[in-house]
Protein backbone atom coordinates (compact mmCIF):
# COMPACT_ATOMS: atom_id res chain seq x y z
CA MET A 1 110.86 119.92 105.08
CA SER A 2 110.18 122.62 107.59
CA ASN A 3 112.76 125.11 108.74
CA GLU A 4 112.38 123.85 112.35
CA ASN A 5 113.49 120.34 111.38
CA PRO A 6 116.31 120.71 108.88
CA PRO A 7 117.86 117.67 107.21
CA VAL A 8 120.67 115.93 109.03
CA THR A 9 123.96 115.72 107.12
CA ALA A 10 126.55 113.09 108.04
CA PHE A 11 130.10 112.92 106.77
CA LEU A 12 131.19 109.31 107.15
CA LEU A 13 135.00 109.22 106.91
CA VAL A 14 136.21 105.73 106.07
CA LYS A 15 139.35 103.81 105.14
CA THR A 16 139.31 100.79 102.85
CA THR A 17 140.32 97.44 104.31
CA PRO A 18 142.54 94.81 102.65
CA GLU A 19 139.43 92.62 102.20
CA TRP A 20 137.72 95.33 100.11
CA LEU A 21 140.85 96.06 98.09
CA ALA A 22 141.30 92.34 97.33
CA LEU A 23 138.00 92.43 95.40
CA THR A 24 137.98 93.44 91.75
CA PRO A 25 136.13 96.66 90.90
CA GLN A 26 133.27 94.56 89.52
CA GLU A 27 133.13 92.47 92.71
CA ARG A 28 133.10 95.66 94.80
CA ALA A 29 130.18 97.07 92.81
CA ALA A 30 128.30 93.78 93.13
CA ALA A 31 128.99 93.53 96.88
CA PHE A 32 127.74 97.06 97.41
CA ALA A 33 124.63 96.50 95.27
CA THR A 34 123.72 93.18 96.90
CA GLN A 35 124.93 93.52 100.51
CA VAL A 36 124.67 97.23 101.37
CA VAL A 37 121.99 98.90 99.25
CA PRO A 38 119.22 96.36 100.03
CA ALA A 39 119.83 96.72 103.78
CA ILE A 40 119.55 100.50 103.55
CA GLU A 41 116.42 100.35 101.40
CA ALA A 42 114.78 97.82 103.74
CA LYS A 43 115.42 99.82 106.92
CA THR A 44 115.00 103.49 106.10
CA ALA A 45 113.58 106.11 103.75
CA GLY A 46 114.33 109.77 103.22
CA VAL A 47 118.10 109.40 102.87
CA ARG A 48 120.38 110.43 100.01
CA SER A 49 124.12 109.97 99.55
CA ARG A 50 127.19 111.09 97.64
CA PHE A 51 130.54 109.32 97.64
CA TYR A 52 133.95 111.01 97.40
CA ASP A 53 137.31 109.33 96.76
CA THR A 54 140.08 110.87 98.84
CA GLU A 55 142.79 108.19 98.84
CA PHE A 56 145.01 110.21 96.53
CA TYR A 57 145.05 113.07 99.07
CA SER A 58 144.89 111.32 102.44
CA ALA A 59 146.48 108.20 103.90
CA ARG A 60 144.13 108.20 106.91
CA VAL A 61 140.78 108.54 105.10
CA THR A 62 140.35 106.92 101.68
CA ASP A 63 136.71 107.88 101.10
CA ILE A 64 134.02 110.21 102.40
CA TRP A 65 130.41 109.16 102.20
CA VAL A 66 128.08 112.12 102.62
CA TRP A 67 124.56 111.27 103.76
CA GLU A 68 121.60 113.59 104.04
CA ALA A 69 118.60 112.33 105.99
CA ASP A 70 115.22 114.02 106.24
CA ASP A 71 115.39 113.87 110.03
CA HIS A 72 117.29 112.34 112.96
CA HIS A 73 115.16 109.19 112.99
CA ALA A 74 115.90 108.46 109.30
CA TYR A 75 119.60 109.03 110.04
CA GLN A 76 119.53 106.66 113.03
CA LEU A 77 117.84 103.96 110.94
CA LEU A 78 120.47 104.45 108.24
CA ILE A 79 123.37 103.94 110.64
CA ASP A 80 121.67 100.92 112.19
CA ALA A 81 121.25 99.45 108.69
CA LEU A 82 124.88 100.14 107.71
CA ARG A 83 126.17 98.52 110.90
CA GLU A 84 124.41 95.29 109.91
CA THR A 85 126.28 95.07 106.60
CA PRO A 86 129.87 94.12 105.70
CA PHE A 87 130.44 97.79 104.82
CA TRP A 88 130.81 98.61 108.51
CA ASP A 89 134.23 97.55 109.86
CA ARG A 90 134.70 94.72 107.37
CA TYR A 91 135.05 96.42 103.99
CA PHE A 92 135.72 99.84 105.51
CA GLU A 93 137.13 101.04 108.80
CA ILE A 94 134.97 103.85 110.16
CA VAL A 95 137.54 106.58 110.90
CA ASP A 96 135.14 109.32 111.98
CA LEU A 97 131.53 110.36 111.74
CA LEU A 98 130.72 114.07 111.63
CA VAL A 99 127.03 115.00 111.83
CA GLY A 100 125.40 118.41 111.58
CA THR A 101 122.71 120.53 110.03
CA GLU A 102 123.47 123.01 107.28
CA ASN A 103 123.43 126.63 108.45
CA GLY A 104 122.29 125.68 111.96
CA TYR A 105 123.78 128.87 113.39
CA ALA A 106 121.65 130.98 111.03
CA ARG A 107 118.44 129.25 112.16
CA THR A 108 119.45 129.57 115.81
CA TYR A 109 120.04 133.32 115.56
CA GLY A 110 117.47 134.18 112.89
CA LEU A 111 120.16 135.19 110.40
CA ASP A 112 120.56 134.68 106.68
CA PRO A 113 123.05 131.89 105.92
CA LEU A 114 126.56 133.24 105.35
CA ALA A 115 128.18 130.19 103.78
CA THR A 116 125.61 129.22 101.16
CA ILE A 117 125.89 131.03 97.85
CA ALA A 118 123.15 130.72 95.25
CA THR A 119 123.99 131.49 91.64
């Protein structure tokens, strides 16, 4: 990835629905594996994700799904794919979607990143 086209990072803030919570944990895993993952794999490439549980800290947002896409086109294809699955507004209410590029200010002004610490 070149410095001119940094990866796109999206923080998808969601809240579980009663339909999702009515499923057993095994049914949830199966639904995700059979209804969501194949749609993503069929529509896009160059995306990675991490999933964070937040329901024990927030009543408004129960989970945060962090996506990194190689570029804006891969990100757009990802969102289009998700919208065609039960994940979007059936199993989860989409509360907010925050999208950015890591250390964008540093690239804009030719500075070293201030917030990233390497150990």
